Amino acid sequence: MTLDWHYHRNGCVTCAKAQDFLTRKKVKATTTVDAKKTRIGPDEAVAMARKFDEIYASKGTKLVHLDLKNEKVDDEQLKGLIIGPSGNLRAPTLQVGKILLIGFNEESYSKVLK
């Protein structure tokens, strides 16, 4: 399995969990971006997120699924899900086709990365 894009930060515990999952499942990224070197701010992140059909965003044990094709989501709600405490796009973020995975949730990763 190959995913289109992987945004991660070295030294991040959640990013390490995501990378461990990807390694175990033998999933490779076409493009990998280091979040420490390439920061994606709120406006750019929202514009990027709007290009996707679905978003799975996890924070802690909470998982939110957005169907952007059929749901109206305002920019502030979207920012609340995809922007981290640094004010930039949260890491890890994965792009798989028209699906965006924000954070790490094994259930959503397993569902999308078949």
PDB file of N, CA and C in Angstrom:
ATOM      1  N   MET A   1       0.848  -1.183   0.000  1.00  0.00           N
ATOM      2  CA  MET A   1       0.000   0.000   0.000  1.00  0.00           C
ATOM      3  C   MET A   1       0.889   1.240   0.000  1.00  0.00           C
ATOM      4  N   THR A   2       0.472   2.239  -0.725  1.00  0.00           N
ATOM      5  CA  THR A   2       1.184   3.502  -0.775  1.00  0.00           C
ATOM      6  C   THR A   2       0.219   4.634  -0.444  1.00  0.00           C
ATOM      7  N   LEU A   3       0.686   5.549   0.388  1.00  0.00           N
ATOM      8  CA  LEU A   3      -0.119   6.741   0.640  1.00  0.00           C
ATOM      9  C   LEU A   3       0.526   7.894  -0.100  1.00  0.00           C
ATOM     10  N   ASP A   4      -0.261   8.928  -0.370  1.00  0.00           N
ATOM     11  CA  ASP A   4       0.206  10.020  -1.224  1.00  0.00           C
ATOM     12  C   ASP A   4       1.152  10.987  -0.518  1.00  0.00           C
ATOM     13  N   TRP A   5       0.876  11.265   0.758  1.00  0.00           N
ATOM     14  CA  TRP A   5       1.605  12.329   1.436  1.00  0.00           C
ATOM     15  C   TRP A   5       1.638  12.043   2.930  1.00  0.00           C
ATOM     16  N   HIS A   6       2.786  12.254   3.556  1.00  0.00           N
ATOM     17  CA  HIS A   6       2.951  12.005   4.993  1.00  0.00           C
ATOM     18  C   HIS A   6       3.655  13.219   5.591  1.00  0.00           C
ATOM     19  N   TYR A   7       2.970  13.896   6.499  1.00  0.00           N
ATOM     20  CA  TYR A   7       3.491  15.082   7.186  1.00  0.00           C
ATOM     21  C   TYR A   7       3.761  14.671   8.619  1.00  0.00           C
ATOM     22  N   HIS A   8       5.011  14.754   9.064  1.00  0.00           N
ATOM     23  CA  HIS A   8       5.350  14.263  10.395  1.00  0.00           C
ATOM     24  C   HIS A   8       6.411  15.153  11.031  1.00  0.00           C
ATOM     25  N   ARG A   9       6.589  14.958  12.334  1.00  0.00           N
ATOM     26  CA  ARG A   9       7.604  15.709  13.078  1.00  0.00           C
ATOM     27  C   ARG A   9       8.456  14.712  13.855  1.00  0.00           C
ATOM     28  N   ASN A  10       9.762  14.720  13.599  1.00  0.00           N
ATOM     29  CA  ASN A  10      10.673  13.850  14.340  1.00  0.00           C
ATOM     30  C   ASN A  10      10.629  14.213  15.821  1.00  0.00           C
ATOM     31  N   GLY A  11      10.652  13.204  16.671  1.00  0.00           N
ATOM     32  CA  GLY A  11      10.613  13.422  18.108  1.00  0.00           C
ATOM     33  C   GLY A  11       9.207  13.501  18.676  1.00  0.00           C
ATOM     34  N   CYS A  12       8.212  13.469  17.839  1.00  0.00           N
ATOM     35  CA  CYS A  12       6.812  13.529  18.265  1.00  0.00           C
ATOM     36  C   CYS A  12       6.334  12.115  18.612  1.00  0.00           C
ATOM     37  N   VAL A  13       5.768  11.941  19.798  1.00  0.00           N
ATOM     38  CA  VAL A  13       5.312  10.621  20.247  1.00  0.00           C
ATOM     39  C   VAL A  13       4.212  10.086  19.338  1.00  0.00           C
ATOM     40  N   THR A  14       3.248  10.930  18.989  1.00  0.00           N
ATOM     41  CA  THR A  14       2.141  10.493  18.135  1.00  0.00           C
ATOM     42  C   THR A  14       2.639  10.147  16.739  1.00  0.00           C
ATOM     43  N   CYS A  15       3.572  10.938  16.231  1.00  0.00           N
ATOM     44  CA  CYS A  15       4.152  10.653  14.913  1.00  0.00           C
ATOM     45  C   CYS A  15       4.889   9.309  14.937  1.00  0.00           C
ATOM     46  N   ALA A  16       5.554   9.005  16.038  1.00  0.00           N
ATOM     47  CA  ALA A  16       6.260   7.729  16.174  1.00  0.00           C
ATOM     48  C   ALA A  16       5.269   6.566  16.162  1.00  0.00           C
ATOM     49  N   LYS A  17       4.108   6.728  16.829  1.00  0.00           N
ATOM     50  CA  LYS A  17       3.085   5.680  16.819  1.00  0.00           C
ATOM     51  C   LYS A  17       2.558   5.471  15.405  1.00  0.00           C
ATOM     52  N   ALA A  18       2.334   6.570  14.705  1.00  0.00           N
ATOM     53  CA  ALA A  18       1.857   6.478  13.321  1.00  0.00           C
ATOM     54  C   ALA A  18       2.892   5.786  12.446  1.00  0.00           C
ATOM     55  N   GLN A  19       4.155   6.161  12.595  1.00  0.00           N
ATOM     56  CA  GLN A  19       5.220   5.559  11.795  1.00  0.00           C
ATOM     57  C   GLN A  19       5.353   4.072  12.093  1.00  0.00           C
ATOM     58  N   ASP A  20       5.220   3.692  13.355  1.00  0.00           N
ATOM     59  CA  ASP A  20       5.267   2.280  13.727  1.00  0.00           C
ATOM     60  C   ASP A  20       4.148   1.510  13.030  1.00  0.00           C
ATOM     61  N   PHE A  21       2.932   2.082  13.015  1.00  0.00           N
ATOM     62  CA  PHE A  21       1.800   1.449  12.340  1.00  0.00           C
ATOM     63  C   PHE A  21       2.107   1.281  10.851  1.00  0.00           C
ATOM     64  N   LEU A  22       2.592   2.350  10.220  1.00  0.00           N
ATOM     65  CA  LEU A  22       2.887   2.307   8.784  1.00  0.00           C
ATOM     66  C   LEU A  22       3.952   1.264   8.470  1.00  0.00           C
ATOM     67  N   THR A  23       4.962   1.161   9.324  1.00  0.00           N
ATOM     68  CA  THR A  23       6.025   0.176   9.126  1.00  0.00           C
ATOM     69  C   THR A  23       5.480  -1.244   9.257  1.00  0.00           C
ATOM     70  N   ARG A  24       4.673  -1.479  10.301  1.00  0.00           N
ATOM     71  CA  ARG A  24       4.100  -2.819  10.507  1.00  0.00           C
ATOM     72  C   ARG A  24       3.227  -3.245   9.338  1.00  0.00           C
ATOM     73  N   LYS A  25       2.482  -2.296   8.764  1.00  0.00           N
ATOM     74  CA  LYS A  25       1.560  -2.603   7.663  1.00  0.00           C
ATOM     75  C   LYS A  25       2.227  -2.483   6.289  1.00  0.00           C
ATOM     76  N   LYS A  26       3.528  -2.155   6.298  1.00  0.00           N
ATOM     77  CA  LYS A  26       4.302  -2.005   5.064  1.00  0.00           C
ATOM     78  C   LYS A  26       3.698  -0.955   4.132  1.00  0.00           C
ATOM     79  N   VAL A  27       3.317   0.176   4.721  1.00  0.00           N
ATOM     80  CA  VAL A  27       2.765   1.297   3.962  1.00  0.00           C
ATOM     81  C   VAL A  27       3.882   2.307   3.737  1.00  0.00           C
ATOM     82  N   LYS A  28       4.060   2.702   2.492  1.00  0.00           N
ATOM     83  CA  LYS A  28       5.088   3.675   2.125  1.00  0.00           C
ATOM     84  C   LYS A  28       4.424   4.962   1.650  1.00  0.00           C
ATOM     85  N   ALA A  29       5.094   6.082   1.877  1.00  0.00           N
ATOM     86  CA  ALA A  29       4.590   7.379   1.422  1.00  0.00           C
ATOM     87  C   ALA A  29       5.299   7.796   0.147  1.00  0.00           C
ATOM     88  N   THR A  30       4.538   8.314  -0.802  1.00  0.00           N
ATOM     89  CA  THR A  30       5.121   8.855  -2.023  1.00  0.00           C
ATOM     90  C   THR A  30       5.923  10.102  -1.699  1.00  0.00           C
ATOM     91  N   THR A  31       5.372  10.960  -0.834  1.00  0.00           N
ATOM     92  CA  THR A  31       6.039  12.189  -0.413  1.00  0.00           C
ATOM     93  C   THR A  31       5.995  12.285   1.104  1.00  0.00           C
ATOM     94  N   THR A  32       7.128  12.572   1.717  1.00  0.00           N
ATOM     95  CA  THR A  32       7.210  12.764   3.161  1.00  0.00           C
ATOM     96  C   THR A  32       7.713  14.176   3.429  1.00  0.00           C
ATOM     97  N   VAL A  33       7.019  14.878   4.342  1.00  0.00           N
ATOM     98  CA  VAL A  33       7.365  16.260   4.664  1.00  0.00           C
ATOM     99  C   VAL A  33       7.648  16.365   6.156  1.00  0.00           C
ATOM    100  N   ASP A  34       8.772  16.968   6.515  1.00  0.00           N
ATOM    101  CA  ASP A  34       9.145  17.192   7.904  1.00  0.00           C
ATOM    102  C   ASP A  34       8.453  18.459   8.406  1.00  0.00           C
ATOM    103  N   ALA A  35       7.594  18.303   9.396  1.00  0.00           N
ATOM    104  CA  ALA A  35       6.811  19.428   9.922  1.00  0.00           C
ATOM    105  C   ALA A  35       7.679  20.492  10.585  1.00  0.00           C
ATOM    106  N   LYS A  36       8.875  20.120  11.027  1.00  0.00           N
ATOM    107  CA  LYS A  36       9.766  21.111  11.634  1.00  0.00           C
ATOM    108  C   LYS A  36      10.381  22.018  10.571  1.00  0.00           C
ATOM    109  N   LYS A  37      10.567  21.490   9.376  1.00  0.00           N
ATOM    110  CA  LYS A  37      11.191  22.259   8.302  1.00  0.00           C
ATOM    111  C   LYS A  37      10.163  22.977   7.429  1.00  0.00           C
ATOM    112  N   THR A  38       8.996  22.377   7.256  1.00  0.00           N
ATOM    113  CA  THR A  38       7.948  22.943   6.418  1.00  0.00           C
ATOM    114  C   THR A  38       6.696  23.128   7.258  1.00  0.00           C
ATOM    115  N   ARG A  39       6.469  24.343   7.658  1.00  0.00           N
ATOM    116  CA  ARG A  39       5.286  24.634   8.485  1.00  0.00           C
ATOM    117  C   ARG A  39       4.120  25.013   7.584  1.00  0.00           C
ATOM    118  N   ILE A  40       2.953  24.454   7.895  1.00  0.00           N
ATOM    119  CA  ILE A  40       1.739  24.754   7.147  1.00  0.00           C
ATOM    120  C   ILE A  40       0.802  25.482   8.104  1.00  0.00           C
ATOM    121  N   GLY A  41       0.639  26.780   7.864  1.00  0.00           N
ATOM    122  CA  GLY A  41      -0.168  27.631   8.732  1.00  0.00           C
ATOM    123  C   GLY A  41      -1.658  27.373   8.597  1.00  0.00           C
ATOM    124  N   PRO A  42      -2.469  28.013   9.442  1.00  0.00           N
ATOM    125  CA  PRO A  42      -3.905  27.751   9.490  1.00  0.00           C
ATOM    126  C   PRO A  42      -4.642  27.983   8.167  1.00  0.00           C
ATOM    127  N   ASP A  43      -4.391  29.107   7.519  1.00  0.00           N
ATOM    128  CA  ASP A  43      -5.115  29.385   6.279  1.00  0.00           C
ATOM    129  C   ASP A  43      -4.743  28.399   5.181  1.00  0.00           C
ATOM    130  N   GLU A  44      -3.461  28.101   5.062  1.00  0.00           N
ATOM    131  CA  GLU A  44      -3.003  27.135   4.066  1.00  0.00           C
ATOM    132  C   GLU A  44      -3.536  25.736   4.380  1.00  0.00           C
ATOM    133  N   ALA A  45      -3.574  25.379   5.665  1.00  0.00           N
ATOM    134  CA  ALA A  45      -4.073  24.057   6.071  1.00  0.00           C
ATOM    135  C   ALA A  45      -5.562  23.912   5.770  1.00  0.00           C
ATOM    136  N   VAL A  46      -6.337  24.958   6.040  1.00  0.00           N
ATOM    137  CA  VAL A  46      -7.781  24.900   5.757  1.00  0.00           C
ATOM    138  C   VAL A  46      -8.013  24.795   4.253  1.00  0.00           C
ATOM    139  N   ALA A  47      -7.292  25.594   3.472  1.00  0.00           N
ATOM    140  CA  ALA A  47      -7.433  25.530   2.016  1.00  0.00           C
ATOM    141  C   ALA A  47      -7.089  24.133   1.506  1.00  0.00           C
ATOM    142  N   MET A  48      -6.049  23.529   2.065  1.00  0.00           N
ATOM    143  CA  MET A  48      -5.658  22.181   1.681  1.00  0.00           C
ATOM    144  C   MET A  48      -6.754  21.182   2.067  1.00  0.00           C
ATOM    145  N   ALA A  49      -7.253  21.292   3.293  1.00  0.00           N
ATOM    146  CA  ALA A  49      -8.262  20.347   3.795  1.00  0.00           C
ATOM    147  C   ALA A  49      -9.542  20.398   2.968  1.00  0.00           C
ATOM    148  N   ARG A  50      -9.886  21.557   2.459  1.00  0.00           N
ATOM    149  CA  ARG A  50     -11.109  21.714   1.658  1.00  0.00           C
ATOM    150  C   ARG A  50     -11.058  20.931   0.349  1.00  0.00           C
ATOM    151  N   LYS A  51      -9.893  20.493  -0.066  1.00  0.00           N
ATOM    152  CA  LYS A  51      -9.743  19.735  -1.312  1.00  0.00           C
ATOM    153  C   LYS A  51     -10.090  18.260  -1.145  1.00  0.00           C
ATOM    154  N   PHE A  52     -10.326  17.824   0.100  1.00  0.00           N
ATOM    155  CA  PHE A  52     -10.573  16.415   0.378  1.00  0.00           C
ATOM    156  C   PHE A  52     -12.056  16.125   0.542  1.00  0.00           C
ATOM    157  N   ASP A  53     -12.423  14.870   0.269  1.00  0.00           N
ATOM    158  CA  ASP A  53     -13.810  14.432   0.443  1.00  0.00           C
ATOM    159  C   ASP A  53     -14.099  14.073   1.894  1.00  0.00           C
ATOM    160  N   GLU A  54     -13.095  13.500   2.578  1.00  0.00           N
ATOM    161  CA  GLU A  54     -13.277  13.058   3.960  1.00  0.00           C
ATOM    162  C   GLU A  54     -12.057  13.426   4.794  1.00  0.00           C
ATOM    163  N   ILE A  55     -12.326  13.691   6.074  1.00  0.00           N
ATOM    164  CA  ILE A  55     -11.247  13.931   7.030  1.00  0.00           C
ATOM    165  C   ILE A  55     -11.533  13.099   8.273  1.00  0.00           C
ATOM    166  N   TYR A  56     -10.519  12.390   8.726  1.00  0.00           N
ATOM    167  CA  TYR A  56     -10.559  11.704  10.015  1.00  0.00           C
ATOM    168  C   TYR A  56      -9.567  12.442  10.900  1.00  0.00           C
ATOM    169  N   ALA A  57     -10.052  13.033  11.983  1.00  0.00           N
ATOM    170  CA  ALA A  57      -9.174  13.774  12.889  1.00  0.00           C
ATOM    171  C   ALA A  57      -9.291  13.177  14.280  1.00  0.00           C
ATOM    172  N   SER A  58      -8.141  12.845  14.855  1.00  0.00           N
ATOM    173  CA  SER A  58      -8.163  12.279  16.205  1.00  0.00           C
ATOM    174  C   SER A  58      -7.328  13.138  17.135  1.00  0.00           C
ATOM    175  N   LYS A  59      -7.878  13.325  18.334  1.00  0.00           N
ATOM    176  CA  LYS A  59      -7.184  14.022  19.417  1.00  0.00           C
ATOM    177  C   LYS A  59      -7.401  13.170  20.654  1.00  0.00           C
ATOM    178  N   GLY A  60      -6.321  12.619  21.183  1.00  0.00           N
ATOM    179  CA  GLY A  60      -6.472  11.712  22.321  1.00  0.00           C
ATOM    180  C   GLY A  60      -7.265  10.493  21.901  1.00  0.00           C
ATOM    181  N   THR A  61      -8.345  10.201  22.608  1.00  0.00           N
ATOM    182  CA  THR A  61      -9.181   9.049  22.269  1.00  0.00           C
ATOM    183  C   THR A  61     -10.367   9.446  21.395  1.00  0.00           C
ATOM    184  N   LYS A  62     -10.539  10.730  21.143  1.00  0.00           N
ATOM    185  CA  LYS A  62     -11.674  11.221  20.362  1.00  0.00           C
ATOM    186  C   LYS A  62     -11.346  11.177  18.864  1.00  0.00           C
ATOM    187  N   LEU A  63     -12.268  10.615  18.071  1.00  0.00           N
ATOM    188  CA  LEU A  63     -12.118  10.561  16.619  1.00  0.00           C
ATOM    189  C   LEU A  63     -13.311  11.265  15.990  1.00  0.00           C
ATOM    190  N   VAL A  64     -13.018  12.211  15.095  1.00  0.00           N
ATOM    191  CA  VAL A  64     -14.065  12.935  14.378  1.00  0.00           C
ATOM    192  C   VAL A  64     -13.932  12.600  12.902  1.00  0.00           C
ATOM    193  N   HIS A  65     -15.054  12.224  12.285  1.00  0.00           N
ATOM    194  CA  HIS A  65     -15.073  11.956  10.850  1.00  0.00           C
ATOM    195  C   HIS A  65     -15.919  13.027  10.186  1.00  0.00           C
ATOM    196  N   LEU A  66     -15.347  13.707   9.195  1.00  0.00           N
ATOM    197  CA  LEU A  66     -16.077  14.716   8.433  1.00  0.00           C
ATOM    198  C   LEU A  66     -16.221  14.241   6.994  1.00  0.00           C
ATOM    199  N   ASP A  67     -17.435  14.315   6.482  1.00  0.00           N
ATOM    200  CA  ASP A  67     -17.707  14.018   5.083  1.00  0.00           C
ATOM    201  C   ASP A  67     -17.911  15.372   4.407  1.00  0.00           C
ATOM    202  N   LEU A  68     -16.838  15.938   3.886  1.00  0.00           N
ATOM    203  CA  LEU A  68     -16.893  17.294   3.339  1.00  0.00           C
ATOM    204  C   LEU A  68     -17.715  17.396   2.057  1.00  0.00           C
ATOM    205  N   LYS A  69     -18.000  16.276   1.426  1.00  0.00           N
ATOM    206  CA  LYS A  69     -18.855  16.307   0.237  1.00  0.00           C
ATOM    207  C   LYS A  69     -20.308  16.556   0.618  1.00  0.00           C
ATOM    208  N   ASN A  70     -20.703  16.105   1.811  1.00  0.00           N
ATOM    209  CA  ASN A  70     -22.108  16.177   2.208  1.00  0.00           C
ATOM    210  C   ASN A  70     -22.377  17.018   3.451  1.00  0.00           C
ATOM    211  N   GLU A  71     -21.323  17.478   4.138  1.00  0.00           N
ATOM    212  CA  GLU A  71     -21.492  18.266   5.359  1.00  0.00           C
ATOM    213  C   GLU A  71     -20.956  19.674   5.157  1.00  0.00           C
ATOM    214  N   LYS A  72     -21.642  20.630   5.763  1.00  0.00           N
ATOM    215  CA  LYS A  72     -21.147  22.008   5.786  1.00  0.00           C
ATOM    216  C   LYS A  72     -20.300  22.162   7.043  1.00  0.00           C
ATOM    217  N   VAL A  73     -19.038  22.500   6.861  1.00  0.00           N
ATOM    218  CA  VAL A  73     -18.118  22.687   7.978  1.00  0.00           C
ATOM    219  C   VAL A  73     -17.485  24.062   7.809  1.00  0.00           C
ATOM    220  N   ASP A  74     -17.604  24.905   8.841  1.00  0.00           N
ATOM    221  CA  ASP A  74     -17.005  26.238   8.715  1.00  0.00           C
ATOM    222  C   ASP A  74     -15.511  26.178   9.013  1.00  0.00           C
ATOM    223  N   ASP A  75     -14.820  27.238   8.610  1.00  0.00           N
ATOM    224  CA  ASP A  75     -13.358  27.262   8.742  1.00  0.00           C
ATOM    225  C   ASP A  75     -12.895  27.130  10.189  1.00  0.00           C
ATOM    226  N   GLU A  76     -13.608  27.731  11.127  1.00  0.00           N
ATOM    227  CA  GLU A  76     -13.199  27.664  12.538  1.00  0.00           C
ATOM    228  C   GLU A  76     -13.303  26.239  13.076  1.00  0.00           C
ATOM    229  N   GLN A  77     -14.365  25.528  12.702  1.00  0.00           N
ATOM    230  CA  GLN A  77     -14.508  24.133  13.130  1.00  0.00           C
ATOM    231  C   GLN A  77     -13.373  23.295  12.533  1.00  0.00           C
ATOM    232  N   LEU A  78     -13.086  23.543  11.273  1.00  0.00           N
ATOM    233  CA  LEU A  78     -12.006  22.812  10.605  1.00  0.00           C
ATOM    234  C   LEU A  78     -10.668  23.112  11.265  1.00  0.00           C
ATOM    235  N   LYS A  79     -10.395  24.369  11.559  1.00  0.00           N
ATOM    236  CA  LYS A  79      -9.139  24.740  12.229  1.00  0.00           C
ATOM    237  C   LYS A  79      -9.013  24.050  13.580  1.00  0.00           C
ATOM    238  N   GLY A  80     -10.123  23.945  14.310  1.00  0.00           N
ATOM    239  CA  GLY A  80     -10.103  23.292  15.611  1.00  0.00           C
ATOM    240  C   GLY A  80      -9.671  21.845  15.542  1.00  0.00           C
ATOM    241  N   LEU A  81      -9.912  21.208  14.409  1.00  0.00           N
ATOM    242  CA  LEU A  81      -9.556  19.800  14.237  1.00  0.00           C
ATOM    243  C   LEU A  81      -8.154  19.597  13.663  1.00  0.00           C
ATOM    244  N   ILE A  82      -7.718  20.500  12.793  1.00  0.00           N
ATOM    245  CA  ILE A  82      -6.483  20.239  12.055  1.00  0.00           C
ATOM    246  C   ILE A  82      -5.284  21.075  12.492  1.00  0.00           C
ATOM    247  N   ILE A  83      -5.523  22.116  13.294  1.00  0.00           N
ATOM    248  CA  ILE A  83      -4.432  22.987  13.724  1.00  0.00           C
ATOM    249  C   ILE A  83      -4.025  22.617  15.152  1.00  0.00           C
ATOM    250  N   GLY A  84      -2.725  22.462  15.362  1.00  0.00           N
ATOM    251  CA  GLY A  84      -2.206  22.079  16.670  1.00  0.00           C
ATOM    252  C   GLY A  84      -1.866  23.276  17.522  1.00  0.00           C
ATOM    253  N   PRO A  85      -1.308  23.037  18.708  1.00  0.00           N
ATOM    254  CA  PRO A  85      -0.968  24.114  19.642  1.00  0.00           C
ATOM    255  C   PRO A  85       0.093  25.078  19.093  1.00  0.00           C
ATOM    256  N   SER A  86       0.860  24.638  18.110  1.00  0.00           N
ATOM    257  CA  SER A  86       1.875  25.516  17.516  1.00  0.00           C
ATOM    258  C   SER A  86       1.259  26.538  16.568  1.00  0.00           C
ATOM    259  N   GLY A  87      -0.027  26.340  16.236  1.00  0.00           N
ATOM    260  CA  GLY A  87      -0.685  27.227  15.283  1.00  0.00           C
ATOM    261  C   GLY A  87      -0.535  26.760  13.847  1.00  0.00           C
ATOM    262  N   ASN A  88       0.036  25.577  13.659  1.00  0.00           N
ATOM    263  CA  ASN A  88       0.238  25.003  12.324  1.00  0.00           C
ATOM    264  C   ASN A  88      -0.510  23.679  12.204  1.00  0.00           C
ATOM    265  N   LEU A  89      -0.499  23.124  10.989  1.00  0.00           N
ATOM    266  CA  LEU A  89      -1.122  21.831  10.741  1.00  0.00           C
ATOM    267  C   LEU A  89      -0.572  20.798  11.716  1.00  0.00           C
ATOM    268  N   ARG A  90      -1.476  20.007  12.281  1.00  0.00           N
ATOM    269  CA  ARG A  90      -1.059  18.975  13.222  1.00  0.00           C
ATOM    270  C   ARG A  90      -0.303  17.859  12.508  1.00  0.00           C
ATOM    271  N   ALA A  91       0.633  17.294  13.222  1.00  0.00           N
ATOM    272  CA  ALA A  91       1.374  16.135  12.720  1.00  0.00           C
ATOM    273  C   ALA A  91       1.103  14.983  13.684  1.00  0.00           C
ATOM    274  N   PRO A  92       0.952  13.784  13.171  1.00  0.00           N
ATOM    275  CA  PRO A  92       1.079  13.376  11.793  1.00  0.00           C
ATOM    276  C   PRO A  92      -0.197  13.668  10.990  1.00  0.00           C
ATOM    277  N   THR A  93      -0.031  13.909   9.716  1.00  0.00           N
ATOM    278  CA  THR A  93      -1.134  14.036   8.768  1.00  0.00           C
ATOM    279  C   THR A  93      -0.789  13.181   7.567  1.00  0.00           C
ATOM    280  N   LEU A  94      -1.762  12.394   7.121  1.00  0.00           N
ATOM    281  CA  LEU A  94      -1.576  11.538   5.961  1.00  0.00           C
ATOM    282  C   LEU A  94      -2.625  11.856   4.914  1.00  0.00           C
ATOM    283  N   GLN A  95      -2.235  11.800   3.662  1.00  0.00           N
ATOM    284  CA  GLN A  95      -3.170  11.921   2.552  1.00  0.00           C
ATOM    285  C   GLN A  95      -3.221  10.582   1.844  1.00  0.00           C
ATOM    286  N   VAL A  96      -4.439  10.047   1.731  1.00  0.00           N
ATOM    287  CA  VAL A  96      -4.661   8.805   1.005  1.00  0.00           C
ATOM    288  C   VAL A  96      -5.786   9.082   0.018  1.00  0.00           C
ATOM    289  N   GLY A  97      -5.431   9.337  -1.238  1.00  0.00           N
ATOM    290  CA  GLY A  97      -6.443   9.695  -2.227  1.00  0.00           C
ATOM    291  C   GLY A  97      -7.148  10.983  -1.813  1.00  0.00           C
ATOM    292  N   LYS A  98      -8.461  10.924  -1.677  1.00  0.00           N
ATOM    293  CA  LYS A  98      -9.269  12.093  -1.296  1.00  0.00           C
ATOM    294  C   LYS A  98      -9.603  12.094   0.196  1.00  0.00           C
ATOM    295  N   ILE A  99      -8.812  11.340   0.989  1.00  0.00           N
ATOM    296  CA  ILE A  99      -9.022  11.248   2.439  1.00  0.00           C
ATOM    297  C   ILE A  99      -7.805  11.819   3.152  1.00  0.00           C
ATOM    298  N   LEU A 100      -8.073  12.614   4.191  1.00  0.00           N
ATOM    299  CA  LEU A 100      -7.020  13.196   5.015  1.00  0.00           C
ATOM    300  C   LEU A 100      -7.141  12.618   6.424  1.00  0.00           C
ATOM    301  N   LEU A 101      -6.040  12.084   6.941  1.00  0.00           N
ATOM    302  CA  LEU A 101      -5.990  11.549   8.301  1.00  0.00           C
ATOM    303  C   LEU A 101      -5.142  12.492   9.140  1.00  0.00           C
ATOM    304  N   ILE A 102      -5.725  13.036  10.201  1.00  0.00           N
ATOM    305  CA  ILE A 102      -5.033  13.976  11.081  1.00  0.00           C
ATOM    306  C   ILE A 102      -4.846  13.309  12.435  1.00  0.00           C
ATOM    307  N   GLY A 103      -3.620  13.349  12.967  1.00  0.00           N
ATOM    308  CA  GLY A 103      -3.355  12.675  14.234  1.00  0.00           C
ATOM    309  C   GLY A 103      -3.199  11.181  13.986  1.00  0.00           C
ATOM    310  N   PHE A 104      -3.181  10.409  15.064  1.00  0.00           N
ATOM    311  CA  PHE A 104      -3.077   8.961  14.910  1.00  0.00           C
ATOM    312  C   PHE A 104      -4.209   8.281  15.655  1.00  0.00           C
ATOM    313  N   ASN A 105      -4.930   7.443  14.929  1.00  0.00           N
ATOM    314  CA  ASN A 105      -5.973   6.603  15.485  1.00  0.00           C
ATOM    315  C   ASN A 105      -5.896   5.278  14.730  1.00  0.00           C
ATOM    316  N   GLU A 106      -5.556   4.214  15.435  1.00  0.00           N
ATOM    317  CA  GLU A 106      -5.338   2.933  14.771  1.00  0.00           C
ATOM    318  C   GLU A 106      -6.572   2.466  14.009  1.00  0.00           C
ATOM    319  N   GLU A 107      -7.759   2.712  14.557  1.00  0.00           N
ATOM    320  CA  GLU A 107      -8.997   2.296  13.890  1.00  0.00           C
ATOM    321  C   GLU A 107      -9.157   2.985  12.532  1.00  0.00           C
ATOM    322  N   SER A 108      -8.975   4.316  12.496  1.00  0.00           N
ATOM    323  CA  SER A 108      -9.140   5.028  11.238  1.00  0.00           C
ATOM    324  C   SER A 108      -8.022   4.667  10.258  1.00  0.00           C
ATOM    325  N   TYR A 109      -6.800   4.509  10.745  1.00  0.00           N
ATOM    326  CA  TYR A 109      -5.686   4.110   9.877  1.00  0.00           C
ATOM    327  C   TYR A 109      -5.989   2.748   9.254  1.00  0.00           C
ATOM    328  N   SER A 110      -6.461   1.800  10.070  1.00  0.00           N
ATOM    329  CA  SER A 110      -6.767   0.451   9.577  1.00  0.00           C
ATOM    330  C   SER A 110      -7.870   0.492   8.529  1.00  0.00           C
ATOM    331  N   LYS A 111      -8.859   1.339   8.743  1.00  0.00           N
ATOM    332  CA  LYS A 111      -9.984   1.447   7.820  1.00  0.00           C
ATOM    333  C   LYS A 111      -9.553   2.027   6.475  1.00  0.00           C
ATOM    334  N   VAL A 112      -8.758   3.078   6.500  1.00  0.00           N
ATOM    335  CA  VAL A 112      -8.380   3.788   5.281  1.00  0.00           C
ATOM    336  C   VAL A 112      -7.200   3.122   4.569  1.00  0.00           C
ATOM    337  N   LEU A 113      -6.260   2.587   5.325  1.00  0.00           N
ATOM    338  CA  LEU A 113      -5.040   2.005   4.755  1.00  0.00           C
ATOM    339  C   LEU A 113      -5.179   0.492   4.615  1.00  0.00           C
ATOM    340  N   LYS A 114      -6.086   0.074   3.795  1.00  0.00           N
ATOM    341  CA  LYS A 114      -6.339  -1.368   3.598  1.00  0.00           C
ATOM    342  C   LYS A 114      -5.372  -1.936   2.598  1.00  0.00           C
TER     343      LYS A 114
END
